Amino acid sequence: MKHLKALAIKFIVISIVLFSILAVFYSASLADIFVLSVLVTGLAYVIGDLYILPRFGNLIATISDFGLSFIAIWLLSNMLFEPPGNGILFLSFFSAILISSSEAVFHLYMQNKVLGEEEVIYVNRSYTANNFQTEFSEEQPDKDIIELHKKRDEDH
């Protein structure tokens, strides 16, 4: 369930970024953007979030997500869109920057909520008669104070 929620969040973020850039600046169809979002989300989640993030940390995973998103968007856009234009390289780069900046925050969510192992602490509170310990001491407040004063007087 945790992975499905994380995938949904990642898909929504990538879809918003791709729709905002490709639909406005490249006039791509909604179906093409949906397919591109699904493919980029799947690749980035498996490679970046499940493999690289636990092993190398947030910074390396964000950098690799940038490269992965850039290459995937650029190659898949050239395959999906009919006349591949010259501007798709710049749009892919700009999309990858926006996606990787959101991935840095998403990785914190992944580390805390999805990948973090829940710590289970078991406390054994069973006591038997043999487990009790007692401390014995003799308290003599008057004598202790007098000896303390004597020691101070001897030091001076």
C-alpha atoms as a PDB file:
ATOM      1  CA  MET A   1       0.000   0.000   0.000  1.00  0.00           C
ATOM      2  CA  LYS A   2       2.885   2.342   0.788  1.00  0.00           C
ATOM      3  CA  HIS A   3       4.401   1.785  -2.646  1.00  0.00           C
ATOM      4  CA  LEU A   4       1.116   2.444  -4.433  1.00  0.00           C
ATOM      5  CA  LYS A   5       0.687   5.738  -2.611  1.00  0.00           C
ATOM      6  CA  ALA A   6       4.269   6.723  -3.421  1.00  0.00           C
ATOM      7  CA  LEU A   7       3.800   5.758  -7.082  1.00  0.00           C
ATOM      8  CA  ALA A   8       0.611   7.818  -7.268  1.00  0.00           C
ATOM      9  CA  ILE A   9       2.336  10.874  -5.800  1.00  0.00           C
ATOM     10  CA  LYS A  10       5.261  10.494  -8.177  1.00  0.00           C
ATOM     11  CA  PHE A  11       2.963  10.004 -11.172  1.00  0.00           C
ATOM     12  CA  ILE A  12       0.920  13.101 -10.342  1.00  0.00           C
ATOM     13  CA  VAL A  13       4.022  15.268  -9.977  1.00  0.00           C
ATOM     14  CA  ILE A  14       5.592  14.016 -13.212  1.00  0.00           C
ATOM     15  CA  SER A  15       2.287  14.363 -15.083  1.00  0.00           C
ATOM     16  CA  ILE A  16       1.835  17.944 -13.922  1.00  0.00           C
ATOM     17  CA  VAL A  17       5.371  18.880 -14.961  1.00  0.00           C
ATOM     18  CA  LEU A  18       5.132  17.188 -18.358  1.00  0.00           C
ATOM     19  CA  PHE A  19       1.672  18.531 -19.076  1.00  0.00           C
ATOM     20  CA  SER A  20       2.718  22.042 -18.078  1.00  0.00           C
ATOM     21  CA  ILE A  21       5.715  22.039 -20.386  1.00  0.00           C
ATOM     22  CA  LEU A  22       4.911  19.734 -23.293  1.00  0.00           C
ATOM     23  CA  ALA A  23       1.277  20.717 -23.760  1.00  0.00           C
ATOM     24  CA  VAL A  24       2.002  24.425 -23.642  1.00  0.00           C
ATOM     25  CA  PHE A  25       5.321  24.683 -25.489  1.00  0.00           C
ATOM     26  CA  TYR A  26       5.178  21.653 -27.773  1.00  0.00           C
ATOM     27  CA  SER A  27       1.415  21.120 -28.172  1.00  0.00           C
ATOM     28  CA  ALA A  28       1.622  17.406 -27.362  1.00  0.00           C
ATOM     29  CA  SER A  29      -1.588  15.440 -26.991  1.00  0.00           C
ATOM     30  CA  LEU A  30      -2.914  14.414 -23.597  1.00  0.00           C
ATOM     31  CA  ALA A  31      -2.623  10.704 -24.490  1.00  0.00           C
ATOM     32  CA  ASP A  32       1.048  11.079 -25.414  1.00  0.00           C
ATOM     33  CA  ILE A  33       1.775  12.950 -22.196  1.00  0.00           C
ATOM     34  CA  PHE A  34      -0.036  10.252 -20.193  1.00  0.00           C
ATOM     35  CA  VAL A  35       2.017   7.463 -21.803  1.00  0.00           C
ATOM     36  CA  LEU A  36       5.204   9.446 -21.304  1.00  0.00           C
ATOM     37  CA  SER A  37       4.306  10.076 -17.648  1.00  0.00           C
ATOM     38  CA  VAL A  38       3.611   6.403 -16.975  1.00  0.00           C
ATOM     39  CA  LEU A  39       6.897   5.292 -18.539  1.00  0.00           C
ATOM     40  CA  VAL A  40       9.026   7.943 -16.834  1.00  0.00           C
ATOM     41  CA  THR A  41       7.327   7.288 -13.483  1.00  0.00           C
ATOM     42  CA  GLY A  42       7.911   3.538 -13.725  1.00  0.00           C
ATOM     43  CA  LEU A  43      11.558   3.876 -14.718  1.00  0.00           C
ATOM     44  CA  ALA A  44      12.351   6.552 -12.156  1.00  0.00           C
ATOM     45  CA  TYR A  45      10.592   4.711  -9.333  1.00  0.00           C
ATOM     46  CA  VAL A  46      12.271   1.375  -9.912  1.00  0.00           C
ATOM     47  CA  ILE A  47      15.755   2.641 -10.715  1.00  0.00           C
ATOM     48  CA  GLY A  48      15.970   5.877  -8.747  1.00  0.00           C
ATOM     49  CA  ASP A  49      13.764   5.302  -5.712  1.00  0.00           C
ATOM     50  CA  LEU A  50      13.991   1.594  -5.033  1.00  0.00           C
ATOM     51  CA  TYR A  51      17.560   0.886  -6.147  1.00  0.00           C
ATOM     52  CA  ILE A  52      19.705   4.044  -5.926  1.00  0.00           C
ATOM     53  CA  LEU A  53      18.043   5.914  -3.037  1.00  0.00           C
ATOM     54  CA  PRO A  54      18.497   3.243  -0.311  1.00  0.00           C
ATOM     55  CA  ARG A  55      22.078   2.527  -1.358  1.00  0.00           C
ATOM     56  CA  PHE A  56      23.528   5.976  -2.123  1.00  0.00           C
ATOM     57  CA  GLY A  57      21.275   8.574  -0.503  1.00  0.00           C
ATOM     58  CA  ASN A  58      19.190  11.555  -1.535  1.00  0.00           C
ATOM     59  CA  LEU A  59      21.791  13.605  -3.432  1.00  0.00           C
ATOM     60  CA  ILE A  60      22.985  10.816  -5.709  1.00  0.00           C
ATOM     61  CA  ALA A  61      19.406   9.642  -6.287  1.00  0.00           C
ATOM     62  CA  THR A  62      18.305  13.167  -7.244  1.00  0.00           C
ATOM     63  CA  ILE A  63      21.207  13.573  -9.667  1.00  0.00           C
ATOM     64  CA  SER A  64      20.511  10.186 -11.220  1.00  0.00           C
ATOM     65  CA  ASP A  65      16.800  11.029 -11.462  1.00  0.00           C
ATOM     66  CA  PHE A  66      17.733  14.180 -13.367  1.00  0.00           C
ATOM     67  CA  GLY A  67      19.785  12.223 -15.894  1.00  0.00           C
ATOM     68  CA  LEU A  68      17.255   9.432 -16.141  1.00  0.00           C
ATOM     69  CA  SER A  69      14.333  11.833 -16.594  1.00  0.00           C
ATOM     70  CA  PHE A  70      16.181  13.887 -19.187  1.00  0.00           C
ATOM     71  CA  ILE A  71      17.191  10.906 -21.310  1.00  0.00           C
ATOM     72  CA  ALA A  72      13.824   9.151 -20.954  1.00  0.00           C
ATOM     73  CA  ILE A  73      11.775  12.241 -21.813  1.00  0.00           C
ATOM     74  CA  TRP A  74      14.015  13.134 -24.734  1.00  0.00           C
ATOM     75  CA  LEU A  75      14.098   9.628 -26.259  1.00  0.00           C
ATOM     76  CA  LEU A  76      10.438   8.820 -25.623  1.00  0.00           C
ATOM     77  CA  SER A  77       9.330  12.213 -26.937  1.00  0.00           C
ATOM     78  CA  ASN A  78      11.229  11.607 -30.160  1.00  0.00           C
ATOM     79  CA  MET A  79       9.485   8.249 -30.521  1.00  0.00           C
ATOM     80  CA  LEU A  80       5.968   9.353 -29.500  1.00  0.00           C
ATOM     81  CA  PHE A  81       5.575  12.740 -31.139  1.00  0.00           C
ATOM     82  CA  GLU A  82       5.130  12.754 -34.901  1.00  0.00           C
ATOM     83  CA  PRO A  83       7.448  15.481 -36.105  1.00  0.00           C
ATOM     84  CA  PRO A  84      10.273  15.483 -33.578  1.00  0.00           C
ATOM     85  CA  GLY A  85      11.342  19.083 -33.368  1.00  0.00           C
ATOM     86  CA  ASN A  86      14.590  20.702 -32.352  1.00  0.00           C
ATOM     87  CA  GLY A  87      13.060  22.253 -29.242  1.00  0.00           C
ATOM     88  CA  ILE A  88      12.337  18.896 -27.595  1.00  0.00           C
ATOM     89  CA  LEU A  89      15.911  18.692 -26.278  1.00  0.00           C
ATOM     90  CA  PHE A  90      15.528  21.980 -24.387  1.00  0.00           C
ATOM     91  CA  LEU A  91      12.037  21.042 -23.164  1.00  0.00           C
ATOM     92  CA  SER A  92      13.332  17.678 -21.952  1.00  0.00           C
ATOM     93  CA  PHE A  93      16.140  19.413 -20.081  1.00  0.00           C
ATOM     94  CA  PHE A  94      13.789  21.910 -18.462  1.00  0.00           C
ATOM     95  CA  SER A  95      11.312  19.135 -17.560  1.00  0.00           C
ATOM     96  CA  ALA A  96      14.107  17.087 -15.992  1.00  0.00           C
ATOM     97  CA  ILE A  97      15.178  20.069 -13.876  1.00  0.00           C
ATOM     98  CA  LEU A  98      11.642  20.507 -12.519  1.00  0.00           C
ATOM     99  CA  ILE A  99      11.172  16.785 -11.941  1.00  0.00           C
ATOM    100  CA  SER A 100      14.503  16.378 -10.145  1.00  0.00           C
ATOM    101  CA  SER A 101      13.810  19.368  -7.899  1.00  0.00           C
ATOM    102  CA  SER A 102      10.545  17.762  -6.829  1.00  0.00           C
ATOM    103  CA  GLU A 103      12.318  14.405  -6.488  1.00  0.00           C
ATOM    104  CA  ALA A 104      14.582  15.796  -3.766  1.00  0.00           C
ATOM    105  CA  VAL A 105      11.517  16.355  -1.575  1.00  0.00           C
ATOM    106  CA  PHE A 106       9.913  13.096  -2.686  1.00  0.00           C
ATOM    107  CA  HIS A 107      13.019  11.184  -1.624  1.00  0.00           C
ATOM    108  CA  LEU A 108      12.608  12.478   1.917  1.00  0.00           C
ATOM    109  CA  TYR A 109       9.065  11.102   1.890  1.00  0.00           C
ATOM    110  CA  MET A 110      10.333   7.792   0.516  1.00  0.00           C
ATOM    111  CA  GLN A 111      13.015   7.479   3.177  1.00  0.00           C
ATOM    112  CA  ASN A 112      10.709   8.341   6.069  1.00  0.00           C
ATOM    113  CA  LYS A 113       7.419   6.698   5.082  1.00  0.00           C
ATOM    114  CA  VAL A 114       8.061   3.973   2.508  1.00  0.00           C
ATOM    115  CA  LEU A 115      11.589   2.645   2.877  1.00  0.00           C
ATOM    116  CA  GLY A 116      12.014   3.258   6.610  1.00  0.00           C
ATOM    117  CA  GLU A 117      11.770   0.107   8.624  1.00  0.00           C
ATOM    118  CA  GLU A 118       9.544   0.325  11.602  1.00  0.00           C
ATOM    119  CA  GLU A 119      11.395  -0.249  14.811  1.00  0.00           C
ATOM    120  CA  VAL A 120       9.746  -2.747  17.071  1.00  0.00           C
ATOM    121  CA  ILE A 121      10.859  -2.573  20.659  1.00  0.00           C
ATOM    122  CA  TYR A 122      10.038  -5.435  22.928  1.00  0.00           C
ATOM    123  CA  VAL A 123      10.316  -4.859  26.646  1.00  0.00           C
ATOM    124  CA  ASN A 124      10.429  -7.886  28.885  1.00  0.00           C
ATOM    125  CA  ARG A 125       8.701  -6.890  32.097  1.00  0.00           C
ATOM    126  CA  SER A 126       8.410 -10.275  33.699  1.00  0.00           C
ATOM    127  CA  TYR A 127       9.954 -10.318  37.166  1.00  0.00           C
ATOM    128  CA  THR A 128      10.581 -13.255  39.380  1.00  0.00           C
ATOM    129  CA  ALA A 129      11.582 -13.339  43.010  1.00  0.00           C
ATOM    130  CA  ASN A 130      15.232 -13.855  42.079  1.00  0.00           C
ATOM    131  CA  ASN A 131      15.466 -10.714  39.928  1.00  0.00           C
ATOM    132  CA  PHE A 132      15.116  -8.173  42.743  1.00  0.00           C
ATOM    133  CA  GLN A 133      18.222  -6.358  43.894  1.00  0.00           C
ATOM    134  CA  THR A 134      18.594  -4.346  47.047  1.00  0.00           C
ATOM    135  CA  GLU A 135      21.137  -1.710  47.904  1.00  0.00           C
ATOM    136  CA  PHE A 136      22.326  -1.513  51.481  1.00  0.00           C
ATOM    137  CA  SER A 137      24.070   1.474  52.925  1.00  0.00           C
ATOM    138  CA  GLU A 138      24.508   3.139  56.220  1.00  0.00           C
ATOM    139  CA  GLU A 139      23.551   6.757  56.378  1.00  0.00           C
ATOM    140  CA  GLN A 140      24.959   8.924  59.073  1.00  0.00           C
ATOM    141  CA  PRO A 141      24.200  12.507  58.070  1.00  0.00           C
ATOM    142  CA  ASP A 142      25.804  14.089  61.142  1.00  0.00           C
ATOM    143  CA  LYS A 143      29.020  12.160  60.848  1.00  0.00           C
ATOM    144  CA  ASP A 144      29.279  12.711  57.081  1.00  0.00           C
ATOM    145  CA  ILE A 145      28.931  16.455  57.474  1.00  0.00           C
ATOM    146  CA  ILE A 146      31.504  16.604  60.248  1.00  0.00           C
ATOM    147  CA  GLU A 147      33.992  14.561  58.250  1.00  0.00           C
ATOM    148  CA  LEU A 148      33.441  16.751  55.238  1.00  0.00           C
ATOM    149  CA  HIS A 149      34.125  19.879  57.283  1.00  0.00           C
ATOM    150  CA  LYS A 150      37.231  18.300  58.788  1.00  0.00           C
ATOM    151  CA  LYS A 151      38.546  17.462  55.311  1.00  0.00           C
ATOM    152  CA  ARG A 152      37.952  21.010  54.102  1.00  0.00           C
ATOM    153  CA  ASP A 153      39.744  22.430  57.116  1.00  0.00           C
ATOM    154  CA  GLU A 154      42.706  20.118  56.565  1.00  0.00           C
ATOM    155  CA  ASP A 155      42.988  21.152  52.864  1.00  0.00           C
ATOM    156  CA  HIS A 156      43.258  24.865  53.762  1.00  0.00           C
END
